[in-house]
Amino acid sequence: MFEKLGVQVIGASADGIKANDKFRRKHALQFPVLCDNANKDLCRGFGVWQPKKLAGVKFEGVVRATFVIAADGTVEKVYAKVSPLGHASDVLAYVRGG
């Protein structure tokens, strides 16, 4: 659907190549998933490498987000702290102008 609108979808992950490949196969993703480097420069640059807390344990990790980037390279819209369920429909509605 995104392709028909001329929208390119690219994922990014803090995980390594093997983990990303396994994830892509498991979920039959039809778009590339980039791997960040060991310093998490990509995640830090987009502000998604943040302090987190799970079961009382504090750690740093990725907070899921979606960035709509315009043809000129500017960030047009940010969806922060997203849940994957139903999120693609929200983004699709946005890029369709809805």
C-alpha atoms as a PDB file:
ATOM      1  CA  MET A   1       0.000   0.000   0.000  1.00  0.00           C
ATOM      2  CA  PHE A   2       2.744   2.460   0.890  1.00  0.00           C
ATOM      3  CA  GLU A   3       4.584   1.669  -2.343  1.00  0.00           C
ATOM      4  CA  LYS A   4       1.527   2.616  -4.424  1.00  0.00           C
ATOM      5  CA  LEU A   5       1.706   6.064  -2.806  1.00  0.00           C
ATOM      6  CA  GLY A   6       5.414   6.396  -3.585  1.00  0.00           C
ATOM      7  CA  VAL A   7       6.336   5.986   0.081  1.00  0.00           C
ATOM      8  CA  GLN A   8       9.459   4.020   0.967  1.00  0.00           C
ATOM      9  CA  VAL A   9       9.362   2.166   4.274  1.00  0.00           C
ATOM     10  CA  ILE A  10      12.627   1.482   6.098  1.00  0.00           C
ATOM     11  CA  GLY A  11      12.952  -0.014   9.551  1.00  0.00           C
ATOM     12  CA  ALA A  12      15.823   0.499  11.942  1.00  0.00           C
ATOM     13  CA  SER A  13      16.883  -1.548  14.920  1.00  0.00           C
ATOM     14  CA  ALA A  14      19.503  -1.564  17.640  1.00  0.00           C
ATOM     15  CA  ASP A  15      19.832  -5.326  17.139  1.00  0.00           C
ATOM     16  CA  GLY A  16      22.520  -6.953  15.042  1.00  0.00           C
ATOM     17  CA  ILE A  17      22.269  -8.297  11.511  1.00  0.00           C
ATOM     18  CA  LYS A  18      21.406 -11.894  12.467  1.00  0.00           C
ATOM     19  CA  ALA A  19      18.656 -10.826  14.877  1.00  0.00           C
ATOM     20  CA  ASN A  20      17.223  -8.395  12.300  1.00  0.00           C
ATOM     21  CA  ASP A  21      17.213 -11.028   9.570  1.00  0.00           C
ATOM     22  CA  LYS A  22      15.434 -13.472  11.870  1.00  0.00           C
ATOM     23  CA  PHE A  23      12.866 -10.802  12.811  1.00  0.00           C
ATOM     24  CA  ARG A  24      12.261  -9.881   9.152  1.00  0.00           C
ATOM     25  CA  ARG A  25      11.705 -13.524   8.193  1.00  0.00           C
ATOM     26  CA  LYS A  26       9.478 -14.252  11.199  1.00  0.00           C
ATOM     27  CA  HIS A  27       7.212 -11.300  10.403  1.00  0.00           C
ATOM     28  CA  ALA A  28       7.569 -11.542   6.595  1.00  0.00           C
ATOM     29  CA  LEU A  29       8.604  -7.895   6.362  1.00  0.00           C
ATOM     30  CA  GLN A  30       8.832  -6.602   2.812  1.00  0.00           C
ATOM     31  CA  PHE A  31      11.082  -3.651   3.613  1.00  0.00           C
ATOM     32  CA  PRO A  32      14.703  -3.308   4.713  1.00  0.00           C
ATOM     33  CA  VAL A  33      15.627  -3.077   8.391  1.00  0.00           C
ATOM     34  CA  LEU A  34      18.804  -1.145   9.121  1.00  0.00           C
ATOM     35  CA  CYS A  35      21.140  -2.133  11.942  1.00  0.00           C
ATOM     36  CA  ASP A  36      22.517   0.547  14.217  1.00  0.00           C
ATOM     37  CA  ASN A  37      26.164   0.461  15.235  1.00  0.00           C
ATOM     38  CA  ALA A  38      27.479  -0.582  18.646  1.00  0.00           C
ATOM     39  CA  ASN A  39      27.361   3.031  19.924  1.00  0.00           C
ATOM     40  CA  LYS A  40      23.664   3.327  18.955  1.00  0.00           C
ATOM     41  CA  ASP A  41      24.436   6.473  16.949  1.00  0.00           C
ATOM     42  CA  LEU A  42      21.330   6.155  14.753  1.00  0.00           C
ATOM     43  CA  CYS A  43      19.006   5.575  17.707  1.00  0.00           C
ATOM     44  CA  ARG A  44      20.603   8.390  19.686  1.00  0.00           C
ATOM     45  CA  GLY A  45      20.423  10.731  16.692  1.00  0.00           C
ATOM     46  CA  PHE A  46      16.687  10.169  16.366  1.00  0.00           C
ATOM     47  CA  GLY A  47      16.206  10.386  20.139  1.00  0.00           C
ATOM     48  CA  VAL A  48      14.818   6.878  20.552  1.00  0.00           C
ATOM     49  CA  TRP A  49      17.627   5.450  22.742  1.00  0.00           C
ATOM     50  CA  GLN A  50      16.217   6.327  26.132  1.00  0.00           C
ATOM     51  CA  PRO A  51      16.137   5.245  29.764  1.00  0.00           C
ATOM     52  CA  LYS A  52      13.516   2.558  30.318  1.00  0.00           C
ATOM     53  CA  LYS A  53      12.215   0.586  33.271  1.00  0.00           C
ATOM     54  CA  LEU A  54      10.857  -2.951  33.299  1.00  0.00           C
ATOM     55  CA  ALA A  55       9.891  -4.818  36.454  1.00  0.00           C
ATOM     56  CA  GLY A  56      11.725  -2.216  38.507  1.00  0.00           C
ATOM     57  CA  VAL A  57      14.959  -2.599  36.536  1.00  0.00           C
ATOM     58  CA  LYS A  58      16.321   0.547  34.877  1.00  0.00           C
ATOM     59  CA  PHE A  59      18.182   0.234  31.585  1.00  0.00           C
ATOM     60  CA  GLU A  60      18.636   1.999  28.249  1.00  0.00           C
ATOM     61  CA  GLY A  61      16.848   0.794  25.159  1.00  0.00           C
ATOM     62  CA  VAL A  62      14.869   1.698  22.093  1.00  0.00           C
ATOM     63  CA  VAL A  63      11.512   3.402  22.404  1.00  0.00           C
ATOM     64  CA  ARG A  64       9.532   2.558  19.269  1.00  0.00           C
ATOM     65  CA  ALA A  65       8.808   5.528  17.059  1.00  0.00           C
ATOM     66  CA  THR A  66       7.894   6.280  13.469  1.00  0.00           C
ATOM     67  CA  PHE A  67       9.322   9.172  11.496  1.00  0.00           C
ATOM     68  CA  VAL A  68       7.747  10.410   8.281  1.00  0.00           C
ATOM     69  CA  ILE A  69      10.569  12.005   6.326  1.00  0.00           C
ATOM     70  CA  ALA A  70       9.734  14.301   3.422  1.00  0.00           C
ATOM     71  CA  ALA A  71      11.417  14.080   0.027  1.00  0.00           C
ATOM     72  CA  ASP A  72      13.702  16.978   0.995  1.00  0.00           C
ATOM     73  CA  GLY A  73      15.004  15.015   4.006  1.00  0.00           C
ATOM     74  CA  THR A  74      13.181  16.939   6.717  1.00  0.00           C
ATOM     75  CA  VAL A  75      11.248  15.143   9.428  1.00  0.00           C
ATOM     76  CA  GLU A  76       7.617  15.866   8.623  1.00  0.00           C
ATOM     77  CA  LYS A  77       5.882  13.962  11.425  1.00  0.00           C
ATOM     78  CA  VAL A  78       6.903  11.938  14.468  1.00  0.00           C
ATOM     79  CA  TYR A  79       4.845   9.217  16.092  1.00  0.00           C
ATOM     80  CA  ALA A  80       6.427   8.693  19.527  1.00  0.00           C
ATOM     81  CA  LYS A  81       6.176   5.571  21.694  1.00  0.00           C
ATOM     82  CA  VAL A  82       4.087   3.623  19.196  1.00  0.00           C
ATOM     83  CA  SER A  83       2.532   0.201  19.504  1.00  0.00           C
ATOM     84  CA  PRO A  84       2.886  -1.919  16.370  1.00  0.00           C
ATOM     85  CA  LEU A  85      -0.736  -3.071  16.443  1.00  0.00           C
ATOM     86  CA  GLY A  86      -2.735  -0.930  14.030  1.00  0.00           C
ATOM     87  CA  HIS A  87      -0.001   1.680  13.737  1.00  0.00           C
ATOM     88  CA  ALA A  88       0.637   1.137  10.028  1.00  0.00           C
ATOM     89  CA  SER A  89      -2.992   2.092   9.323  1.00  0.00           C
ATOM     90  CA  ASP A  90      -2.536   5.401  11.163  1.00  0.00           C
ATOM     91  CA  VAL A  91       0.602   6.230   9.195  1.00  0.00           C
ATOM     92  CA  LEU A  92      -1.039   5.184   5.924  1.00  0.00           C
ATOM     93  CA  ALA A  93      -3.979   7.504   6.634  1.00  0.00           C
ATOM     94  CA  TYR A  94      -1.525  10.343   7.307  1.00  0.00           C
ATOM     95  CA  VAL A  95       0.442   9.889   4.094  1.00  0.00           C
ATOM     96  CA  ARG A  96      -2.836   9.692   2.175  1.00  0.00           C
ATOM     97  CA  GLY A  97      -3.649  13.108   3.587  1.00  0.00           C
ATOM     98  CA  GLY A  98      -6.204  11.972   6.150  1.00  0.00           C
END
